[in-house]
N, C-alpha and C. Protein backbone atom coordinates (compact mmCIF):
# COMPACT_ATOMS: atom_id res chain seq x y z
N UNK A 1 12.98 2.37 -23.17
CA UNK A 1 12.29 2.56 -22.45
C UNK A 1 12.27 1.79 -21.70
N UNK A 2 11.87 1.74 -19.85
CA UNK A 2 12.00 1.30 -19.10
C UNK A 2 10.71 0.97 -18.69
N UNK A 3 10.26 0.12 -18.62
CA UNK A 3 9.03 -0.24 -18.03
C UNK A 3 9.05 -0.54 -16.39
N UNK A 4 7.59 -0.70 -15.83
CA UNK A 4 7.56 -0.62 -14.18
C UNK A 4 7.78 -2.40 -14.39
N UNK A 5 8.69 -2.45 -13.29
CA UNK A 5 9.10 -4.01 -12.68
C UNK A 5 8.10 -3.81 -11.32
N UNK A 6 7.51 -4.71 -11.99
CA UNK A 6 6.21 -5.55 -10.43
C UNK A 6 7.08 -6.07 -9.63
N UNK A 7 6.32 -6.01 -8.53
CA UNK A 7 6.73 -7.03 -7.55
C UNK A 7 6.12 -8.28 -7.18
N UNK A 8 6.19 -9.20 -6.33
CA UNK A 8 5.71 -10.40 -6.72
C UNK A 8 4.49 -10.61 -6.47
N UNK A 9 3.66 -11.39 -6.61
CA UNK A 9 1.64 -10.95 -6.73
C UNK A 9 1.75 -11.42 -5.47
N UNK A 10 2.55 -11.50 -4.63
CA UNK A 10 2.16 -12.00 -3.14
C UNK A 10 2.19 -10.53 -2.33
N UNK A 11 2.93 -9.69 -2.97
CA UNK A 11 3.09 -8.70 -1.96
C UNK A 11 1.77 -8.05 -2.38
N UNK A 12 0.96 -8.22 -3.19
CA UNK A 12 0.12 -7.31 -3.46
C UNK A 12 -1.25 -8.18 -2.94
N UNK A 13 -1.40 -9.42 -2.94
CA UNK A 13 -2.18 -10.04 -2.04
C UNK A 13 -2.09 -9.90 -0.39
N UNK A 14 -0.84 -9.92 0.03
CA UNK A 14 -0.91 -9.86 1.70
C UNK A 14 -0.95 -8.52 2.19
N UNK A 15 -0.40 -7.26 1.04
CA UNK A 15 -0.37 -6.33 1.68
C UNK A 15 -1.38 -5.38 1.26
N UNK A 16 -2.33 -5.70 0.11
CA UNK A 16 -3.07 -5.03 -0.28
C UNK A 16 -4.78 -5.34 0.75
N UNK A 17 -4.19 -6.82 0.95
CA UNK A 17 -5.19 -7.60 1.23
C UNK A 17 -5.87 -7.29 2.91
N UNK A 18 -3.82 -6.49 3.21
CA UNK A 18 -4.44 -6.11 4.40
C UNK A 18 -5.08 -4.99 4.70
N UNK A 19 -5.16 -4.10 3.80
CA UNK A 19 -5.61 -3.13 3.64
C UNK A 19 -7.31 -3.17 3.45
N UNK A 20 -7.75 -3.55 2.29
CA UNK A 20 -8.82 -4.30 3.08
C UNK A 20 -9.47 -4.53 4.05
N UNK A 21 -8.88 -5.51 4.77
CA UNK A 21 -9.68 -5.93 5.95
C UNK A 21 -9.33 -4.77 6.82
N UNK A 22 -8.73 -3.73 7.13
CA UNK A 22 -8.84 -2.69 8.12
C UNK A 22 -9.51 -2.26 7.13
N UNK A 23 -9.62 -1.78 6.52
CA UNK A 23 -10.73 -0.47 5.37
C UNK A 23 -12.25 -1.38 6.12
N UNK A 24 -12.33 -2.68 6.12
CA UNK A 24 -13.68 -3.08 6.88
C UNK A 24 -14.00 -2.92 8.04
N UNK A 25 -12.56 -3.03 8.86
CA UNK A 25 -13.00 -2.81 10.28
C UNK A 25 -13.28 -1.62 10.33
N UNK A 26 -12.49 -0.81 9.94
CA UNK A 26 -12.66 0.58 10.16
C UNK A 26 -13.48 1.66 9.96
N UNK A 27 -14.11 0.44 9.33
CA UNK A 27 -15.58 1.67 8.65
C UNK A 27 -16.97 0.98 8.77
N UNK A 28 -17.08 -0.10 9.18
CA UNK A 28 -18.24 -0.95 9.28
C UNK A 28 -18.27 -1.69 10.25
N UNK A 29 -19.24 -1.04 11.01
CA UNK A 29 -19.91 -1.52 12.42
C UNK A 29 -19.89 -2.80 12.26
N UNK A 30 -21.10 -3.65 11.45
CA UNK A 30 -21.10 -5.25 11.09
C UNK A 30 -19.59 -5.60 11.13
N UNK A 31 -18.41 -5.60 10.21
CA UNK A 31 -17.50 -6.04 10.11
C UNK A 31 -16.83 -6.32 11.30
N UNK A 32 -16.95 -5.20 12.36
CA UNK A 32 -15.97 -5.17 13.15
C UNK A 32 -16.63 -6.26 14.68
N UNK A 33 -17.96 -6.22 14.02
CA UNK A 33 -18.96 -6.85 15.17
C UNK A 33 -18.96 -8.42 15.00
N UNK A 34 -18.65 -8.72 13.80
CA UNK A 34 -19.05 -10.14 13.40
C UNK A 34 -17.12 -10.26 13.81
N UNK A 35 -16.34 -9.26 13.10
CA UNK A 35 -14.44 -10.44 13.35
C UNK A 35 -14.65 -9.97 15.08
N UNK A 36 -14.77 -9.17 15.92
CA UNK A 36 -15.04 -9.38 17.82
C UNK A 36 -15.72 -10.81 18.18
N UNK A 37 -16.73 -11.55 17.60
CA UNK A 37 -17.02 -12.67 17.77
C UNK A 37 -16.07 -13.96 16.97
N UNK A 38 -15.56 -13.62 15.94
CA UNK A 38 -15.06 -14.81 15.61
C UNK A 38 -13.79 -14.88 16.10
N UNK A 39 -12.94 -14.26 15.98
CA UNK A 39 -11.49 -13.27 16.19
C UNK A 39 -11.11 -13.85 17.72
N UNK A 40 -9.81 -14.90 17.99
CA UNK A 40 -9.55 -15.61 19.15
C UNK A 40 -9.06 -14.22 20.07
N UNK A 41 -8.78 -13.46 18.60
CA UNK A 41 -8.09 -12.65 20.05
C UNK A 41 -8.75 -10.99 19.68
N UNK A 42 -8.71 -10.21 21.25
CA UNK A 42 -9.25 -8.92 21.00
C UNK A 42 -8.76 -8.08 19.96
N UNK A 43 -9.74 -7.04 19.46
CA UNK A 43 -9.25 -6.14 18.62
C UNK A 43 -9.42 -4.69 19.13
N UNK A 44 -8.41 -3.92 18.52
CA UNK A 44 -8.47 -2.77 18.97
C UNK A 44 -9.55 -1.78 18.50
N UNK A 45 -9.77 -0.56 19.92
CA UNK A 45 -10.92 0.09 19.47
C UNK A 45 -11.20 0.39 17.92
N UNK A 46 -12.34 0.07 17.42
CA UNK A 46 -12.71 1.41 15.90
C UNK A 46 -11.74 2.26 15.71
N UNK A 47 -11.85 3.05 16.62
CA UNK A 47 -11.28 4.61 16.41
C UNK A 47 -9.34 4.12 15.85
N UNK A 48 -9.62 3.28 16.83
CA UNK A 48 -7.86 3.13 16.36
C UNK A 48 -7.23 2.78 15.35
N UNK A 49 -8.36 1.47 14.68
CA UNK A 49 -8.19 1.06 13.41
C UNK A 49 -8.33 2.24 12.15
N UNK A 50 -9.27 2.92 12.43
CA UNK A 50 -9.26 4.23 11.78
C UNK A 50 -8.64 4.98 12.20
N UNK A 51 -7.78 5.31 12.69
CA UNK A 51 -6.55 5.83 12.52
C UNK A 51 -5.65 5.01 12.01
N UNK A 52 -5.12 4.22 11.97
CA UNK A 52 -4.36 3.00 11.59
C UNK A 52 -4.75 3.28 9.62
N UNK A 53 -5.58 3.18 9.21
CA UNK A 53 -6.21 3.45 8.06
C UNK A 53 -5.44 4.50 7.50
N UNK A 54 -6.15 5.61 8.30
CA UNK A 54 -5.72 7.01 7.73
C UNK A 54 -3.87 6.98 7.59
N UNK A 55 -3.22 6.24 8.50
CA UNK A 55 -1.76 6.35 7.95
C UNK A 55 -1.33 5.61 6.85
N UNK A 56 -2.17 4.66 7.28
CA UNK A 56 -1.21 4.24 6.22
C UNK A 56 -1.58 4.35 4.81
N UNK A 57 -2.90 4.98 4.76
CA UNK A 57 -3.05 6.23 3.33
C UNK A 57 -2.16 7.46 3.20
N UNK A 58 -2.11 7.96 4.49
CA UNK A 58 -0.88 8.45 3.83
C UNK A 58 0.41 7.99 3.64
N UNK A 59 1.03 7.06 4.71
CA UNK A 59 2.23 6.30 4.10
C UNK A 59 2.23 6.13 2.44
N UNK A 60 1.09 5.31 2.37
CA UNK A 60 1.05 4.89 0.67
C UNK A 60 1.33 6.11 -0.18
N UNK A 61 0.34 7.51 0.28
CA UNK A 61 0.75 8.70 -0.56
C UNK A 61 2.06 8.95 -0.51
N UNK A 62 2.92 9.23 0.39
CA UNK A 62 3.77 9.43 0.79
C UNK A 62 4.94 8.77 -0.38
N UNK A 63 4.72 7.47 -0.65
CA UNK A 63 5.38 6.39 -0.72
C UNK A 63 5.48 6.53 -2.27
N UNK A 64 4.51 6.98 -2.84
CA UNK A 64 4.00 7.06 -4.31
C UNK A 64 4.63 8.35 -5.01
N UNK A 65 4.57 9.06 -3.48
CA UNK A 65 5.28 11.00 -4.42
C UNK A 65 6.70 10.57 -4.56
N UNK A 66 7.02 9.48 -3.32
CA UNK A 66 8.85 9.26 -3.62
C UNK A 66 9.30 8.65 -4.80
N UNK A 67 8.29 7.66 -4.48
CA UNK A 67 8.43 6.89 -6.41
C UNK A 67 8.31 8.09 -7.35
N UNK A 68 7.38 8.61 -7.52
CA UNK A 68 7.23 9.48 -8.96
C UNK A 68 9.03 10.35 -9.18
N UNK A 69 9.42 11.06 -7.85
CA UNK A 69 10.71 11.71 -8.15
C UNK A 69 11.55 10.97 -8.28
N UNK A 70 11.87 9.83 -7.53
CA UNK A 70 13.30 9.39 -8.44
C UNK A 70 13.23 8.28 -9.96
N UNK A 71 11.71 8.18 -10.08
CA UNK A 71 11.42 7.79 -11.28
C UNK A 71 11.75 8.66 -12.13
N UNK A 72 11.65 10.10 -11.88
CA UNK A 72 11.80 11.42 -12.65
C UNK A 72 13.35 11.47 -13.07
N UNK A 73 13.79 11.41 -11.58
CA UNK A 73 15.38 11.58 -11.47
C UNK A 73 15.97 11.09 -12.12
N UNK A 74 15.56 9.43 -12.32
CA UNK A 74 16.27 8.61 -13.21
C UNK A 74 15.81 8.30 -14.57
N UNK A 75 15.24 9.91 -14.92
CA UNK A 75 14.93 9.83 -16.62
C UNK A 75 13.93 8.41 -16.84
N UNK A 76 13.65 8.08 -16.26
CA UNK A 76 11.84 6.80 -16.88
C UNK A 76 11.05 7.52 -16.89
N UNK A 77 10.14 7.33 -18.44
CA UNK A 77 9.07 7.63 -18.66
C UNK A 77 7.98 7.25 -18.28
N UNK A 78 8.16 6.20 -16.95
CA UNK A 78 6.67 5.84 -16.74
C UNK A 78 6.97 5.96 -15.32
N UNK A 79 7.80 7.10 -14.57
CA UNK A 79 7.54 7.67 -13.58
C UNK A 79 5.77 7.62 -12.54
N UNK A 80 4.90 7.87 -13.90
CA UNK A 80 3.60 8.26 -12.73
C UNK A 80 2.77 6.66 -12.80
N UNK A 81 3.63 5.64 -13.47
CA UNK A 81 2.88 4.29 -13.48
C UNK A 81 4.12 4.01 -11.99
N UNK A 82 4.91 4.37 -11.61
CA UNK A 82 6.06 3.83 -10.89
C UNK A 82 4.79 4.21 -9.71
N UNK A 83 4.64 5.66 -9.90
CA UNK A 83 3.70 6.20 -8.58
C UNK A 83 2.53 5.35 -8.26
N UNK A 84 1.81 5.05 -9.68
CA UNK A 84 0.59 4.42 -9.29
C UNK A 84 0.59 2.83 -8.79
N UNK A 85 1.81 2.41 -9.03
CA UNK A 85 1.58 0.85 -8.12
C UNK A 85 2.43 0.88 -6.69
N UNK A 86 3.21 2.21 -6.95
CA UNK A 86 3.70 2.12 -4.97
C UNK A 86 3.00 2.48 -4.31
N UNK A 87 1.81 3.15 -4.77
CA UNK A 87 0.08 4.01 -4.11
C UNK A 87 -0.10 2.38 -3.53
N UNK A 88 -0.46 1.59 -4.63
CA UNK A 88 -0.94 0.24 -4.24
C UNK A 88 -0.55 -0.50 -3.26
N UNK A 89 0.62 -0.80 -3.64
CA UNK A 89 1.28 -1.89 -2.69
C UNK A 89 2.93 -1.39 -2.00
N UNK A 90 3.23 -0.18 -2.19
CA UNK A 90 3.67 0.43 -0.80
C UNK A 90 5.34 0.37 -1.27
N UNK A 91 5.88 -0.09 -0.16
CA UNK A 91 7.09 -0.29 -0.12
C UNK A 91 7.80 -1.80 -0.95
N UNK A 92 7.59 -2.51 -1.34
CA UNK A 92 8.47 -3.52 -3.01
C UNK A 92 8.07 -2.87 -4.07
N UNK A 93 7.79 -2.09 -3.71
CA UNK A 93 7.30 -0.83 -5.23
C UNK A 93 8.79 -0.42 -5.46
N UNK A 94 9.00 0.21 -4.43
CA UNK A 94 9.86 1.16 -4.21
C UNK A 94 11.36 0.36 -4.29
N UNK A 95 11.26 -0.90 -3.52
CA UNK A 95 12.61 -1.20 -3.88
C UNK A 95 12.68 -1.89 -5.11
N UNK A 96 11.59 -2.35 -5.50
CA UNK A 96 11.92 -2.65 -7.28
C UNK A 96 13.14 -1.32 -7.73
N UNK A 97 11.76 -0.10 -7.77
CA UNK A 97 12.55 0.73 -8.23
C UNK A 97 14.04 1.39 -8.04
N UNK A 98 14.03 1.10 -6.87
CA UNK A 98 15.84 1.27 -6.65
C UNK A 98 16.70 0.46 -7.36
N UNK A 99 15.96 -0.81 -7.70
CA UNK A 99 17.09 -1.47 -8.50
C UNK A 99 17.44 -1.10 -9.63
N UNK A 100 16.36 -0.13 -10.55
CA UNK A 100 16.34 -0.08 -11.86
C UNK A 100 16.88 0.78 -12.11
N UNK A 101 18.04 0.57 -13.57
CA UNK A 101 18.87 1.20 -13.74
C UNK A 101 18.74 1.90 -14.77
N UNK A 102 18.24 3.40 -14.88
CA UNK A 102 18.25 3.86 -16.53
C UNK A 102 18.95 3.24 -17.32
N UNK A 103 18.26 3.03 -18.77
CA UNK A 103 19.15 2.97 -19.83
C UNK A 103 19.88 3.92 -20.65
C-alpha cells in the first residue's frame, strides 16, 4: 500500500502562512487597517484581496480533485488522503503524487 508522500514542511509554512495572512487581510477590517499602517508598500483594495482569496480556494479545490483522480487512476488506496493534502498545500503535493509509481 502506497502512503501519502508529504512535501517538505517549508511548503506548508510558506503557502499556508500566506493563505492565513491573505484570509486575515481579506476578511478583517482591523487586520487590513493594521497592515496598511505598518507595511511600507501599499496594499491592494480589500475587494481585490477577497477575490484573490476566492480564487485561491477555487484553485486548491481543483487541485484536490485532480489529485484524487490521479491517485485513483494509479490504483492508490490513499486517494482521499492525497486530495486532502493537496487541498491544504496545493501544487507541491501534486508534484509528489506525480512522482509516485503504483506498487
